[in-house]
Amino acid sequence: MKKVTLALISLILFISCNSKNKELEKLKIENEKMKGEIQQMEKDKLTAEYRKMFLLAMSDIKLIGSAIESFTTDWSKPPAVKSLKDLAFDPKFVPFYIKKLPYLDPWGNEYFYKYSMNGDYGTYWVGCAGSDGVFNGFDQIGQPALQPGIDIVYSNGLFKLWAK
């Protein structure tokens, strides 16, 4: 009788431990799944934040471009300055064509500006280096996928390079 009782107790403990191990494995799997979901949520949050900053830069550039176009219409040429920072403090430009000129992008880098006097009214370009701060020039064109570091190029009223 003692052997049977001992055997039953051992069997019950074995089943109990085995079921606890299975529960523990299930909990570990659920924990890993939750970690993955949290990581994806963090990635999505960063992507949304980057998209917000990118769209803010595009909005700034469009606003700057509209002011430059108004100036060009009045003066028959784009502003002859080396940078938008110079233009931001030009009393002939601010506040007449724009109340306040944003010369820094959302990542804290200066927007790029270039002009030339080709044609009757000339040509101007406004550029943004994106989150990496490296601007690859005004001759870029296209619409690549949105990813960190994408530049923005705007010229004479049109975006030449921007992300989808």
Protein backbone atom coordinates (compact mmCIF):
# COMPACT_ATOMS: atom_id res chain seq x y z
CA MET A 1 0.00 0.00 0.00
CA LYS A 2 2.86 2.41 0.80
CA LYS A 3 4.40 1.71 -2.60
CA VAL A 4 1.12 2.43 -4.39
CA THR A 5 0.59 5.63 -2.41
CA LEU A 6 4.16 6.71 -3.07
CA ALA A 7 3.75 5.91 -6.76
CA LEU A 8 0.51 7.93 -6.93
CA ILE A 9 2.13 10.89 -5.17
CA SER A 10 5.09 10.72 -7.57
CA LEU A 11 2.74 10.56 -10.55
CA ILE A 12 0.71 13.52 -9.27
CA LEU A 13 3.90 15.55 -8.69
CA PHE A 14 5.19 14.59 -12.15
CA ILE A 15 1.93 15.62 -13.82
CA SER A 16 1.78 18.80 -11.76
CA CYS A 17 5.40 19.74 -12.60
CA ASN A 18 4.90 18.82 -16.26
CA SER A 19 1.78 20.96 -16.53
CA LYS A 20 3.55 23.85 -14.76
CA ASN A 21 6.44 23.52 -17.24
CA LYS A 22 3.97 23.65 -20.12
CA GLU A 23 2.33 26.74 -18.60
CA LEU A 24 5.76 28.28 -18.14
CA GLU A 25 6.60 27.59 -21.81
CA LYS A 26 3.31 29.15 -22.89
CA LEU A 27 4.08 32.22 -20.76
CA LYS A 28 7.57 32.48 -22.29
CA ILE A 29 6.10 32.30 -25.81
CA GLU A 30 3.47 34.95 -24.96
CA ASN A 31 6.19 37.14 -23.42
CA GLU A 32 8.33 36.93 -26.58
CA LYS A 33 5.28 37.71 -28.72
CA MET A 34 4.49 40.77 -26.57
CA LYS A 35 8.12 41.96 -26.79
CA GLY A 36 7.89 41.72 -30.59
CA GLU A 37 4.63 43.68 -30.62
CA ILE A 38 6.13 46.38 -28.38
CA GLN A 39 9.20 46.66 -30.62
CA GLN A 40 6.93 47.01 -33.68
CA MET A 41 4.90 49.70 -31.92
CA GLU A 42 8.09 51.61 -31.08
CA LYS A 43 9.26 51.30 -34.69
CA ASP A 44 5.87 52.52 -35.96
CA LYS A 45 6.02 55.46 -33.53
CA LEU A 46 9.49 56.43 -34.81
CA THR A 47 8.28 56.10 -38.41
CA ALA A 48 5.27 58.32 -37.67
CA GLU A 49 7.50 60.89 -35.93
CA TYR A 50 9.92 60.92 -38.88
CA ARG A 51 7.05 61.29 -41.37
CA LYS A 52 5.70 64.21 -39.32
CA MET A 53 9.11 65.95 -39.39
CA PHE A 54 9.55 65.25 -43.11
CA LEU A 55 6.12 66.73 -43.89
CA LEU A 56 6.92 69.77 -41.74
CA ALA A 57 10.11 70.31 -43.78
CA MET A 58 8.12 70.04 -47.02
CA SER A 59 5.60 72.55 -45.68
CA ASP A 60 8.40 74.97 -44.70
CA ILE A 61 9.99 74.65 -48.13
CA LYS A 62 6.70 75.25 -49.94
CA LEU A 63 6.12 78.36 -47.78
CA ILE A 64 9.65 79.61 -48.48
CA GLY A 65 9.18 78.92 -52.19
CA SER A 66 5.93 80.88 -52.32
CA ALA A 67 7.61 83.89 -50.68
CA ILE A 68 10.55 83.68 -53.10
CA GLU A 69 8.15 83.49 -56.05
CA SER A 70 6.34 86.63 -54.85
CA PHE A 71 9.68 88.40 -54.45
CA THR A 72 10.75 87.24 -57.93
CA THR A 73 7.51 88.55 -59.45
CA ASP A 74 8.06 91.98 -57.89
CA TRP A 75 11.82 92.28 -58.47
CA SER A 76 12.17 90.22 -61.69
CA LYS A 77 14.80 87.99 -60.08
CA PRO A 78 15.13 85.65 -57.10
CA PRO A 79 16.75 87.02 -53.95
CA ALA A 80 20.51 87.31 -54.46
CA VAL A 81 21.69 85.87 -51.14
CA LYS A 82 24.03 83.03 -50.25
CA SER A 83 21.75 81.33 -47.74
CA LEU A 84 18.22 81.38 -46.38
CA LYS A 85 19.65 82.55 -43.07
CA ASP A 86 20.84 85.71 -44.86
CA LEU A 87 17.38 86.08 -46.39
CA ALA A 88 15.70 85.60 -42.99
CA PHE A 89 17.33 88.83 -41.81
CA ASP A 90 16.91 90.80 -45.05
CA PRO A 91 14.51 93.71 -44.30
CA LYS A 92 13.55 93.83 -47.98
CA PHE A 93 12.24 90.25 -47.72
CA VAL A 94 10.99 89.76 -44.14
CA PRO A 95 8.22 90.69 -43.20
CA PHE A 96 6.99 91.81 -46.64
CA TYR A 97 7.03 88.41 -48.37
CA ILE A 98 6.94 86.15 -45.34
CA LYS A 99 6.24 86.95 -41.71
CA LYS A 100 9.07 84.76 -40.40
CA LEU A 101 11.38 82.75 -42.65
CA PRO A 102 12.17 79.27 -41.32
CA TYR A 103 15.82 78.74 -42.20
CA LEU A 104 16.31 75.65 -40.00
CA ASP A 105 14.72 72.31 -40.84
CA PRO A 106 12.96 70.17 -38.20
CA TRP A 107 16.27 68.38 -37.48
CA GLY A 108 18.06 71.66 -36.72
CA ASN A 109 20.04 71.94 -39.98
CA GLU A 110 19.93 74.97 -42.24
CA TYR A 111 17.86 74.73 -45.40
CA PHE A 112 19.93 75.14 -48.57
CA TYR A 113 19.36 77.90 -51.10
CA LYS A 114 20.73 78.57 -54.56
CA TYR A 115 19.74 80.87 -57.39
CA SER A 116 20.88 81.64 -60.91
CA MET A 117 19.82 84.20 -63.50
CA ASN A 118 18.92 81.87 -66.36
CA GLY A 119 16.01 83.21 -68.39
CA ASP A 120 13.88 86.26 -67.67
CA TYR A 121 13.23 85.66 -63.99
CA GLY A 122 16.02 83.30 -63.02
CA THR A 123 15.81 80.02 -61.17
CA TYR A 124 15.90 79.28 -57.47
CA TRP A 125 16.27 76.07 -55.47
CA VAL A 126 15.53 75.29 -51.84
CA GLY A 127 16.85 72.07 -50.35
CA CYS A 128 16.72 70.07 -47.15
CA ALA A 129 19.31 67.49 -46.11
CA GLY A 130 16.85 65.33 -44.20
CA SER A 131 17.53 63.68 -40.87
CA ASP A 132 21.15 62.72 -41.63
CA GLY A 133 22.21 66.33 -42.30
CA VAL A 134 23.98 65.40 -45.57
CA PHE A 135 22.70 67.28 -48.62
CA ASN A 136 23.50 65.60 -51.93
CA GLY A 137 22.90 68.59 -54.19
CA PHE A 138 20.19 70.41 -56.09
CA ASP A 139 20.31 68.18 -59.20
CA GLN A 140 18.46 65.30 -57.51
CA ILE A 141 15.03 64.34 -58.85
CA GLY A 142 12.51 61.63 -58.08
CA GLN A 143 10.21 60.29 -55.42
CA PRO A 144 11.91 57.49 -53.45
CA ALA A 145 10.35 55.70 -50.48
CA LEU A 146 10.37 57.61 -47.22
CA GLN A 147 13.41 56.66 -45.18
CA PRO A 148 15.77 58.54 -42.88
CA GLY A 149 18.24 60.75 -44.73
CA ILE A 150 16.11 61.47 -47.81
CA ASP A 151 16.75 64.97 -49.17
CA ILE A 152 14.08 67.37 -50.39
CA VAL A 153 14.66 69.61 -53.43
CA TYR A 154 12.24 72.33 -54.53
CA SER A 155 12.71 74.64 -57.51
CA ASN A 156 10.56 77.34 -59.11
CA GLY A 157 7.31 76.15 -57.54
CA LEU A 158 7.81 72.38 -57.85
CA PHE A 159 9.23 69.63 -55.69
CA LYS A 160 11.99 67.94 -57.68
CA LEU A 161 12.87 65.36 -55.00
CA TRP A 162 10.63 64.25 -52.14
CA ALA A 163 9.59 60.99 -50.56
CA LYS A 164 6.34 59.11 -51.03
